[in-house]
């Protein structure tokens, strides 16, 4: 059905890691050039999940609010965020080294 509609973008809002696994499992069969996991974005825009106060959104602390509202996110954030930060720092260091050697 997705292929029949021929979209240019596919937004998958199943939450991590389920949405990434779904995209990977269906990549060969779903002919959409850009497939993006959007997590809880649909829940926020529909009003199903309340967003953090504006000051938390503006200071980058919305994740803290979400974690306090949905306790199952605590484990996810504690397990995945350090991995992300480590990979990000590794790539940042590599980029700085490559930029200086040019």
PDB file of N, CA and C in Angstrom:
ATOM      1  N   UNK A   1       0.821  -1.187   0.000  1.00  0.00           N
ATOM      2  CA  UNK A   1       0.000   0.000   0.000  1.00  0.00           C
ATOM      3  C   UNK A   1       0.878   1.270   0.000  1.00  0.00           C
ATOM      4  N   UNK A   2       1.949   1.252   0.777  1.00  0.00           N
ATOM      5  CA  UNK A   2       2.858   2.406   0.809  1.00  0.00           C
ATOM      6  C   UNK A   2       3.466   2.624  -0.565  1.00  0.00           C
ATOM      7  N   UNK A   3       3.934   1.560  -1.181  1.00  0.00           N
ATOM      8  CA  UNK A   3       4.553   1.674  -2.506  1.00  0.00           C
ATOM      9  C   UNK A   3       3.570   2.211  -3.544  1.00  0.00           C
ATOM     10  N   UNK A   4       2.308   1.821  -3.448  1.00  0.00           N
ATOM     11  CA  UNK A   4       1.299   2.308  -4.404  1.00  0.00           C
ATOM     12  C   UNK A   4       1.117   3.821  -4.310  1.00  0.00           C
ATOM     13  N   UNK A   5       1.281   4.388  -3.125  1.00  0.00           N
ATOM     14  CA  UNK A   5       1.131   5.834  -2.940  1.00  0.00           C
ATOM     15  C   UNK A   5       2.344   6.614  -3.422  1.00  0.00           C
ATOM     16  N   UNK A   6       3.480   5.961  -3.561  1.00  0.00           N
ATOM     17  CA  UNK A   6       4.735   6.548  -4.034  1.00  0.00           C
ATOM     18  C   UNK A   6       5.148   7.813  -3.263  1.00  0.00           C
ATOM     19  N   UNK A   7       5.193   7.739  -1.937  1.00  0.00           N
ATOM     20  CA  UNK A   7       5.613   8.930  -1.182  1.00  0.00           C
ATOM     21  C   UNK A   7       7.121   9.162  -1.313  1.00  0.00           C
ATOM     22  N   UNK A   8       7.526  10.392  -1.081  1.00  0.00           N
ATOM     23  CA  UNK A   8       8.948  10.730  -1.078  1.00  0.00           C
ATOM     24  C   UNK A   8       9.547  10.565   0.315  1.00  0.00           C
ATOM     25  N   UNK A   9       8.695  10.678   1.346  1.00  0.00           N
ATOM     26  CA  UNK A   9       9.127  10.544   2.737  1.00  0.00           C
ATOM     27  C   UNK A   9       8.193   9.585   3.457  1.00  0.00           C
ATOM     28  N   UNK A  10       8.754   8.796   4.378  1.00  0.00           N
ATOM     29  CA  UNK A  10       7.952   7.935   5.241  1.00  0.00           C
ATOM     30  C   UNK A  10       8.358   8.224   6.676  1.00  0.00           C
ATOM     31  N   UNK A  11       7.414   8.700   7.461  1.00  0.00           N
ATOM     32  CA  UNK A  11       7.653   9.018   8.868  1.00  0.00           C
ATOM     33  C   UNK A  11       7.143   7.839   9.696  1.00  0.00           C
ATOM     34  N   UNK A  12       8.024   7.198  10.459  1.00  0.00           N
ATOM     35  CA  UNK A  12       7.660   6.021  11.242  1.00  0.00           C
ATOM     36  C   UNK A  12       7.718   6.398  12.719  1.00  0.00           C
ATOM     37  N   UNK A  13       6.580   6.368  13.386  1.00  0.00           N
ATOM     38  CA  UNK A  13       6.495   6.795  14.777  1.00  0.00           C
ATOM     39  C   UNK A  13       6.169   5.659  15.722  1.00  0.00           C
ATOM     40  N   UNK A  14       7.038   4.673  15.810  1.00  0.00           N
ATOM     41  CA  UNK A  14       6.810   3.527  16.689  1.00  0.00           C
ATOM     42  C   UNK A  14       7.622   3.607  17.977  1.00  0.00           C
ATOM     43  N   UNK A  15       8.499   4.585  18.090  1.00  0.00           N
ATOM     44  CA  UNK A  15       9.397   4.671  19.243  1.00  0.00           C
ATOM     45  C   UNK A  15      10.655   3.859  19.007  1.00  0.00           C
ATOM     46  N   UNK A  16      11.722   4.286  19.658  1.00  0.00           N
ATOM     47  CA  UNK A  16      13.004   3.602  19.517  1.00  0.00           C
ATOM     48  C   UNK A  16      13.012   2.379  20.442  1.00  0.00           C
ATOM     49  N   UNK A  17      13.609   1.322  20.051  1.00  0.00           N
ATOM     50  CA  UNK A  17      14.256   1.026  18.769  1.00  0.00           C
ATOM     51  C   UNK A  17      13.313   0.369  17.768  1.00  0.00           C
ATOM     52  N   UNK A  18      12.038   0.236  18.142  1.00  0.00           N
ATOM     53  CA  UNK A  18      11.084  -0.475  17.293  1.00  0.00           C
ATOM     54  C   UNK A  18      10.990   0.133  15.891  1.00  0.00           C
ATOM     55  N   UNK A  19      10.966   1.459  15.794  1.00  0.00           N
ATOM     56  CA  UNK A  19      10.815   2.095  14.478  1.00  0.00           C
ATOM     57  C   UNK A  19      12.043   1.862  13.611  1.00  0.00           C
ATOM     58  N   UNK A  20      13.233   1.902  14.189  1.00  0.00           N
ATOM     59  CA  UNK A  20      14.454   1.657  13.418  1.00  0.00           C
ATOM     60  C   UNK A  20      14.507   0.205  12.943  1.00  0.00           C
ATOM     61  N   UNK A  21      14.076  -0.716  13.797  1.00  0.00           N
ATOM     62  CA  UNK A  21      14.047  -2.130  13.401  1.00  0.00           C
ATOM     63  C   UNK A  21      13.022  -2.353  12.284  1.00  0.00           C
ATOM     64  N   UNK A  22      11.870  -1.667  12.370  1.00  0.00           N
ATOM     65  CA  UNK A  22      10.854  -1.808  11.332  1.00  0.00           C
ATOM     66  C   UNK A  22      11.382  -1.285  10.001  1.00  0.00           C
ATOM     67  N   UNK A  23      12.006  -0.115  10.026  1.00  0.00           N
ATOM     68  CA  UNK A  23      12.558   0.465   8.796  1.00  0.00           C
ATOM     69  C   UNK A  23      13.594  -0.476   8.195  1.00  0.00           C
ATOM     70  N   UNK A  24      14.501  -0.995   9.014  1.00  0.00           N
ATOM     71  CA  UNK A  24      15.544  -1.897   8.519  1.00  0.00           C
ATOM     72  C   UNK A  24      14.951  -3.179   7.953  1.00  0.00           C
ATOM     73  N   UNK A  25      13.931  -3.725   8.619  1.00  0.00           N
ATOM     74  CA  UNK A  25      13.319  -4.971   8.166  1.00  0.00           C
ATOM     75  C   UNK A  25      12.550  -4.800   6.864  1.00  0.00           C
ATOM     76  N   UNK A  26      12.040  -3.608   6.597  1.00  0.00           N
ATOM     77  CA  UNK A  26      11.214  -3.371   5.415  1.00  0.00           C
ATOM     78  C   UNK A  26      11.916  -2.544   4.333  1.00  0.00           C
ATOM     79  N   UNK A  27      13.174  -2.229   4.536  1.00  0.00           N
ATOM     80  CA  UNK A  27      13.900  -1.352   3.618  1.00  0.00           C
ATOM     81  C   UNK A  27      13.885  -1.866   2.183  1.00  0.00           C
ATOM     82  N   UNK A  28      14.057  -3.160   2.006  1.00  0.00           N
ATOM     83  CA  UNK A  28      14.114  -3.724   0.648  1.00  0.00           C
ATOM     84  C   UNK A  28      12.747  -3.739  -0.031  1.00  0.00           C
ATOM     85  N   UNK A  29      11.664  -3.763   0.774  1.00  0.00           N
ATOM     86  CA  UNK A  29      10.327  -3.859   0.191  1.00  0.00           C
ATOM     87  C   UNK A  29       9.597  -2.526   0.089  1.00  0.00           C
ATOM     88  N   UNK A  30       9.966  -1.568   0.915  1.00  0.00           N
ATOM     89  CA  UNK A  30       9.301  -0.266   0.915  1.00  0.00           C
ATOM     90  C   UNK A  30      10.130   0.692   0.070  1.00  0.00           C
ATOM     91  N   UNK A  31       9.591   1.082  -1.065  1.00  0.00           N
ATOM     92  CA  UNK A  31      10.323   1.923  -2.017  1.00  0.00           C
ATOM     93  C   UNK A  31      10.073   3.404  -1.765  1.00  0.00           C
ATOM     94  N   UNK A  32      10.624   3.883  -0.667  1.00  0.00           N
ATOM     95  CA  UNK A  32      10.511   5.294  -0.306  1.00  0.00           C
ATOM     96  C   UNK A  32      11.943   5.805  -0.106  1.00  0.00           C
ATOM     97  N   UNK A  33      12.322   6.867  -0.807  1.00  0.00           N
ATOM     98  CA  UNK A  33      13.703   7.340  -0.734  1.00  0.00           C
ATOM     99  C   UNK A  33      14.163   7.744   0.666  1.00  0.00           C
ATOM    100  N   UNK A  34      13.290   8.369   1.449  1.00  0.00           N
ATOM    101  CA  UNK A  34      13.668   8.837   2.785  1.00  0.00           C
ATOM    102  C   UNK A  34      12.703   8.247   3.806  1.00  0.00           C
ATOM    103  N   UNK A  35      13.248   7.463   4.737  1.00  0.00           N
ATOM    104  CA  UNK A  35      12.449   6.872   5.804  1.00  0.00           C
ATOM    105  C   UNK A  35      13.044   7.322   7.136  1.00  0.00           C
ATOM    106  N   UNK A  36      12.213   7.949   7.965  1.00  0.00           N
ATOM    107  CA  UNK A  36      12.712   8.572   9.189  1.00  0.00           C
ATOM    108  C   UNK A  36      11.905   8.097  10.386  1.00  0.00           C
ATOM    109  N   UNK A  37      12.613   7.666  11.435  1.00  0.00           N
ATOM    110  CA  UNK A  37      11.968   7.343  12.700  1.00  0.00           C
ATOM    111  C   UNK A  37      11.766   8.636  13.484  1.00  0.00           C
ATOM    112  N   UNK A  38      10.519   8.950  13.818  1.00  0.00           N
ATOM    113  CA  UNK A  38      10.221  10.227  14.469  1.00  0.00           C
ATOM    114  C   UNK A  38       9.787  10.074  15.927  1.00  0.00           C
ATOM    115  N   UNK A  39       9.895   8.880  16.459  1.00  0.00           N
ATOM    116  CA  UNK A  39       9.604   8.674  17.872  1.00  0.00           C
ATOM    117  C   UNK A  39       8.224   9.138  18.279  1.00  0.00           C
ATOM    118  N   UNK A  40       8.179   9.985  19.272  1.00  0.00           N
ATOM    119  CA  UNK A  40       6.908  10.440  19.847  1.00  0.00           C
ATOM    120  C   UNK A  40       6.363  11.699  19.177  1.00  0.00           C
ATOM    121  N   UNK A  41       6.910  12.087  18.056  1.00  0.00           N
ATOM    122  CA  UNK A  41       6.476  13.328  17.409  1.00  0.00           C
ATOM    123  C   UNK A  41       4.975  13.348  17.129  1.00  0.00           C
ATOM    124  N   UNK A  42       4.427  12.227  16.656  1.00  0.00           N
ATOM    125  CA  UNK A  42       2.990  12.179  16.386  1.00  0.00           C
ATOM    126  C   UNK A  42       2.192  12.346  17.676  1.00  0.00           C
ATOM    127  N   UNK A  43       2.671  11.750  18.757  1.00  0.00           N
ATOM    128  CA  UNK A  43       1.992  11.884  20.050  1.00  0.00           C
ATOM    129  C   UNK A  43       1.981  13.331  20.521  1.00  0.00           C
ATOM    130  N   UNK A  44       3.081  14.043  20.317  1.00  0.00           N
ATOM    131  CA  UNK A  44       3.148  15.452  20.720  1.00  0.00           C
ATOM    132  C   UNK A  44       2.208  16.304  19.877  1.00  0.00           C
ATOM    133  N   UNK A  45       2.278  16.134  18.563  1.00  0.00           N
ATOM    134  CA  UNK A  45       1.482  16.979  17.665  1.00  0.00           C
ATOM    135  C   UNK A  45      -0.019  16.714  17.772  1.00  0.00           C
ATOM    136  N   UNK A  46      -0.380  15.483  18.131  1.00  0.00           N
ATOM    137  CA  UNK A  46      -1.805  15.157  18.278  1.00  0.00           C
ATOM    138  C   UNK A  46      -2.343  15.567  19.641  1.00  0.00           C
ATOM    139  N   UNK A  47      -1.433  15.929  20.558  1.00  0.00           N
ATOM    140  CA  UNK A  47      -1.849  16.292  21.902  1.00  0.00           C
ATOM    141  C   UNK A  47      -2.025  15.091  22.816  1.00  0.00           C
ATOM    142  N   UNK A  48      -1.672  13.908  22.344  1.00  0.00           N
ATOM    143  CA  UNK A  48      -1.793  12.688  23.141  1.00  0.00           C
ATOM    144  C   UNK A  48      -0.804  12.686  24.309  1.00  0.00           C
ATOM    145  N   UNK A  49       0.376  13.250  24.109  1.00  0.00           N
ATOM    146  CA  UNK A  49       1.397  13.354  25.150  1.00  0.00           C
ATOM    147  C   UNK A  49       1.679  14.832  25.395  1.00  0.00           C
ATOM    148  N   UNK A  50       1.635  15.219  26.659  1.00  0.00           N
ATOM    149  CA  UNK A  50       1.883  16.608  27.031  1.00  0.00           C
ATOM    150  C   UNK A  50       3.378  16.917  26.934  1.00  0.00           C
ATOM    151  N   UNK A  51       3.695  18.060  26.356  1.00  0.00           N
ATOM    152  CA  UNK A  51       5.089  18.494  26.236  1.00  0.00           C
ATOM    153  C   UNK A  51       5.544  19.171  27.511  1.00  0.00           C
ATOM    154  N   UNK A  52       6.838  19.267  27.649  1.00  0.00           N
ATOM    155  CA  UNK A  52       7.446  19.919  28.809  1.00  0.00           C
ATOM    156  C   UNK A  52       7.129  21.408  28.783  1.00  0.00           C
ATOM    157  N   UNK A  53       7.268  22.073  29.938  1.00  0.00           N
ATOM    158  CA  UNK A  53       7.111  23.531  29.950  1.00  0.00           C
ATOM    159  C   UNK A  53       8.081  24.179  28.952  1.00  0.00           C
ATOM    160  N   UNK A  54       7.694  25.326  28.446  1.00  0.00           N
ATOM    161  CA  UNK A  54       8.479  25.995  27.402  1.00  0.00           C
ATOM    162  C   UNK A  54       9.921  26.229  27.842  1.00  0.00           C
ATOM    163  N   UNK A  55      10.140  26.599  29.101  1.00  0.00           N
ATOM    164  CA  UNK A  55      11.519  26.862  29.546  1.00  0.00           C
ATOM    165  C   UNK A  55      12.370  25.602  29.452  1.00  0.00           C
ATOM    166  N   UNK A  56      11.773  24.428  29.677  1.00  0.00           N
ATOM    167  CA  UNK A  56      12.529  23.172  29.552  1.00  0.00           C
ATOM    168  C   UNK A  56      12.806  22.861  28.083  1.00  0.00           C
ATOM    169  N   UNK A  57      11.835  23.157  27.224  1.00  0.00           N
ATOM    170  CA  UNK A  57      12.040  22.952  25.792  1.00  0.00           C
ATOM    171  C   UNK A  57      13.172  23.834  25.285  1.00  0.00           C
ATOM    172  N   UNK A  58      13.163  25.102  25.698  1.00  0.00           N
ATOM    173  CA  UNK A  58      14.160  26.065  25.202  1.00  0.00           C
ATOM    174  C   UNK A  58      15.561  25.796  25.735  1.00  0.00           C
ATOM    175  N   UNK A  59      15.670  25.157  26.901  1.00  0.00           N
ATOM    176  CA  UNK A  59      16.984  24.887  27.478  1.00  0.00           C
ATOM    177  C   UNK A  59      17.476  23.476  27.190  1.00  0.00           C
ATOM    178  N   UNK A  60      16.739  22.750  26.347  1.00  0.00           N
ATOM    179  CA  UNK A  60      17.173  21.407  25.969  1.00  0.00           C
ATOM    180  C   UNK A  60      16.947  20.367  27.049  1.00  0.00           C
ATOM    181  N   UNK A  61      16.027  20.625  27.962  1.00  0.00           N
ATOM    182  CA  UNK A  61      15.782  19.697  29.064  1.00  0.00           C
ATOM    183  C   UNK A  61      14.461  18.940  28.938  1.00  0.00           C
ATOM    184  N   UNK A  62      13.870  18.962  27.776  1.00  0.00           N
ATOM    185  CA  UNK A  62      12.601  18.263  27.609  1.00  0.00           C
ATOM    186  C   UNK A  62      12.746  16.769  27.886  1.00  0.00           C
ATOM    187  N   UNK A  63      13.913  16.217  27.599  1.00  0.00           N
ATOM    188  CA  UNK A  63      14.152  14.801  27.850  1.00  0.00           C
ATOM    189  C   UNK A  63      14.010  14.470  29.334  1.00  0.00           C
ATOM    190  N   UNK A  64      14.416  15.400  30.221  1.00  0.00           N
ATOM    191  CA  UNK A  64      14.283  15.182  31.665  1.00  0.00           C
ATOM    192  C   UNK A  64      12.800  15.101  32.029  1.00  0.00           C
ATOM    193  N   UNK A  65      12.015  16.018  31.506  1.00  0.00           N
ATOM    194  CA  UNK A  65      10.580  16.034  31.753  1.00  0.00           C
ATOM    195  C   UNK A  65       9.949  14.735  31.265  1.00  0.00           C
ATOM    196  N   UNK A  66      10.297  14.310  30.057  1.00  0.00           N
ATOM    197  CA  UNK A  66       9.741  13.069  29.507  1.00  0.00           C
ATOM    198  C   UNK A  66      10.127  11.874  30.347  1.00  0.00           C
ATOM    199  N   UNK A  67      11.371  11.851  30.812  1.00  0.00           N
ATOM    200  CA  UNK A  67      11.845  10.740  31.627  1.00  0.00           C
ATOM    201  C   UNK A  67      11.078  10.672  32.949  1.00  0.00           C
ATOM    202  N   UNK A  68      10.786  11.825  33.547  1.00  0.00           N
ATOM    203  CA  UNK A  68      10.042  11.855  34.799  1.00  0.00           C
ATOM    204  C   UNK A  68       8.568  11.481  34.597  1.00  0.00           C
ATOM    205  N   UNK A  69       8.027  11.771  33.430  1.00  0.00           N
ATOM    206  CA  UNK A  69       6.635  11.437  33.124  1.00  0.00           C
ATOM    207  C   UNK A  69       6.466   9.967  32.723  1.00  0.00           C
ATOM    208  N   UNK A  70       7.472   9.429  32.043  1.00  0.00           N
ATOM    209  CA  UNK A  70       7.407   8.057  31.528  1.00  0.00           C
ATOM    210  C   UNK A  70       8.640   7.312  32.019  1.00  0.00           C
ATOM    211  N   UNK A  71       8.507   6.604  33.119  1.00  0.00           N
ATOM    212  CA  UNK A  71       9.657   5.996  33.796  1.00  0.00           C
ATOM    213  C   UNK A  71      10.367   4.918  32.977  1.00  0.00           C
ATOM    214  N   UNK A  72       9.696   4.347  31.983  1.00  0.00           N
ATOM    215  CA  UNK A  72      10.390   3.346  31.162  1.00  0.00           C
ATOM    216  C   UNK A  72      11.489   3.990  30.313  1.00  0.00           C
ATOM    217  N   UNK A  73      11.449   5.313  30.164  1.00  0.00           N
ATOM    218  CA  UNK A  73      12.487   6.002  29.396  1.00  0.00           C
ATOM    219  C   UNK A  73      13.802   6.101  30.171  1.00  0.00           C
ATOM    220  N   UNK A  74      13.751   5.970  31.493  1.00  0.00           N
ATOM    221  CA  UNK A  74      14.968   6.089  32.306  1.00  0.00           C
ATOM    222  C   UNK A  74      16.013   5.088  31.838  1.00  0.00           C
ATOM    223  N   UNK A  75      15.631   3.824  31.756  1.00  0.00           N
ATOM    224  CA  UNK A  75      16.577   2.784  31.327  1.00  0.00           C
ATOM    225  C   UNK A  75      17.086   3.062  29.915  1.00  0.00           C
ATOM    226  N   UNK A  76      16.161   3.437  29.020  1.00  0.00           N
ATOM    227  CA  UNK A  76      16.554   3.698  27.631  1.00  0.00           C
ATOM    228  C   UNK A  76      17.567   4.828  27.558  1.00  0.00           C
ATOM    229  N   UNK A  77      17.284   5.926  28.244  1.00  0.00           N
ATOM    230  CA  UNK A  77      18.191   7.070  28.199  1.00  0.00           C
ATOM    231  C   UNK A  77      19.540   6.756  28.836  1.00  0.00           C
ATOM    232  N   UNK A  78      19.524   6.040  29.955  1.00  0.00           N
ATOM    233  CA  UNK A  78      20.771   5.706  30.633  1.00  0.00           C
ATOM    234  C   UNK A  78      21.613   4.715  29.839  1.00  0.00           C
ATOM    235  N   UNK A  79      20.962   3.875  29.037  1.00  0.00           N
ATOM    236  CA  UNK A  79      21.694   2.883  28.244  1.00  0.00           C
ATOM    237  C   UNK A  79      22.169   3.454  26.903  1.00  0.00           C
ATOM    238  N   UNK A  80      21.339   4.252  26.252  1.00  0.00           N
ATOM    239  CA  UNK A  80      21.668   4.665  24.883  1.00  0.00           C
ATOM    240  C   UNK A  80      22.369   6.016  24.797  1.00  0.00           C
ATOM    241  N   UNK A  81      22.073   6.939  25.689  1.00  0.00           N
ATOM    242  CA  UNK A  81      22.675   8.267  25.591  1.00  0.00           C
ATOM    243  C   UNK A  81      24.198   8.246  25.736  1.00  0.00           C
ATOM    244  N   UNK A  82      24.774   7.483  26.699  1.00  0.00           N
ATOM    245  CA  UNK A  82      26.243   7.430  26.768  1.00  0.00           C
ATOM    246  C   UNK A  82      26.866   6.854  25.499  1.00  0.00           C
ATOM    247  N   UNK A  83      26.223   5.872  24.901  1.00  0.00           N
ATOM    248  CA  UNK A  83      26.732   5.299  23.651  1.00  0.00           C
ATOM    249  C   UNK A  83      26.720   6.362  22.554  1.00  0.00           C
ATOM    250  N   UNK A  84      25.606   7.079  22.432  1.00  0.00           N
ATOM    251  CA  UNK A  84      25.507   8.144  21.433  1.00  0.00           C
ATOM    252  C   UNK A  84      26.581   9.200  21.662  1.00  0.00           C
ATOM    253  N   UNK A  85      26.737   9.649  22.908  1.00  0.00           N
ATOM    254  CA  UNK A  85      27.731  10.685  23.206  1.00  0.00           C
ATOM    255  C   UNK A  85      29.146  10.211  22.888  1.00  0.00           C
ATOM    256  N   UNK A  86      29.449   8.963  23.200  1.00  0.00           N
ATOM    257  CA  UNK A  86      30.763   8.413  22.885  1.00  0.00           C
ATOM    258  C   UNK A  86      31.031   8.395  21.393  1.00  0.00           C
ATOM    259  N   UNK A  87      30.054   7.938  20.616  1.00  0.00           N
ATOM    260  CA  UNK A  87      30.203   7.902  19.160  1.00  0.00           C
ATOM    261  C   UNK A  87      30.287   9.302  18.574  1.00  0.00           C
ATOM    262  N   UNK A  88      29.492  10.210  19.126  1.00  0.00           N
ATOM    263  CA  UNK A  88      29.520  11.599  18.669  1.00  0.00           C
ATOM    264  C   UNK A  88      30.900  12.215  18.919  1.00  0.00           C
ATOM    265  N   UNK A  89      31.434  12.036  20.123  1.00  0.00           N
ATOM    266  CA  UNK A  89      32.759  12.584  20.448  1.00  0.00           C
ATOM    267  C   UNK A  89      33.842  11.966  19.575  1.00  0.00           C
ATOM    268  N   UNK A  90      33.740  10.657  19.337  1.00  0.00           N
ATOM    269  CA  UNK A  90      34.713   9.996  18.463  1.00  0.00           C
ATOM    270  C   UNK A  90      34.698  10.627  17.079  1.00  0.00           C
ATOM    271  N   UNK A  91      33.504  10.816  16.529  1.00  0.00           N
ATOM    272  CA  UNK A  91      33.388  11.406  15.196  1.00  0.00           C
ATOM    273  C   UNK A  91      33.834  12.865  15.186  1.00  0.00           C
ATOM    274  N   UNK A  92      33.540  13.586  16.249  1.00  0.00           N
ATOM    275  CA  UNK A  92      33.962  14.977  16.353  1.00  0.00           C
ATOM    276  C   UNK A  92      35.480  15.081  16.373  1.00  0.00           C
ATOM    277  N   UNK A  93      36.116  14.210  17.139  1.00  0.00           N
ATOM    278  CA  UNK A  93      37.583  14.206  17.205  1.00  0.00           C
ATOM    279  C   UNK A  93      38.172  13.855  15.843  1.00  0.00           C
ATOM    280  N   UNK A  94      37.600  12.862  15.181  1.00  0.00           N
ATOM    281  CA  UNK A  94      38.079  12.495  13.844  1.00  0.00           C
ATOM    282  C   UNK A  94      37.934  13.671  12.877  1.00  0.00           C
ATOM    283  N   UNK A  95      36.806  14.356  12.934  1.00  0.00           N
ATOM    284  CA  UNK A  95      36.582  15.499  12.038  1.00  0.00           C
ATOM    285  C   UNK A  95      37.572  16.613  12.318  1.00  0.00           C
ATOM    286  N   UNK A  96      37.851  16.878  13.584  1.00  0.00           N
ATOM    287  CA  UNK A  96      38.827  17.927  13.931  1.00  0.00           C
ATOM    288  C   UNK A  96      40.208  17.557  13.450  1.00  0.00           C
ATOM    289  N   UNK A  97      40.591  16.287  13.604  1.00  0.00           N
ATOM    290  CA  UNK A  97      41.915  15.832  13.151  1.00  0.00           C
ATOM    291  C   UNK A  97      42.017  15.973  11.638  1.00  0.00           C
ATOM    292  N   UNK A  98      40.969  15.555  10.923  1.00  0.00           N
ATOM    293  CA  UNK A  98      41.009  15.646   9.466  1.00  0.00           C
ATOM    294  C   UNK A  98      41.039  17.093   9.006  1.00  0.00           C
ATOM    295  N   UNK A  99      40.324  17.976   9.674  1.00  0.00           N
ATOM    296  CA  UNK A  99      40.307  19.388   9.286  1.00  0.00           C
ATOM    297  C   UNK A  99      41.671  20.039   9.486  1.00  0.00           C
ATOM    298  N   UNK A 100      42.367  19.645  10.550  1.00  0.00           N
ATOM    299  CA  UNK A 100      43.676  20.249  10.823  1.00  0.00           C
ATOM    300  C   UNK A 100      44.755  19.725   9.870  1.00  0.00           C
ATOM    301  N   UNK A 101      44.577  18.523   9.350  1.00  0.00           N
ATOM    302  CA  UNK A 101      45.607  17.963   8.475  1.00  0.00           C
ATOM    303  C   UNK A 101      45.448  18.389   7.013  1.00  0.00           C
ATOM    304  N   UNK A 102      44.348  19.051   6.693  1.00  0.00           N
ATOM    305  CA  UNK A 102      44.130  19.473   5.300  1.00  0.00           C
ATOM    306  C   UNK A 102      44.945  20.663   4.914  1.00  0.00           C
TER     307      UNK A 102
END
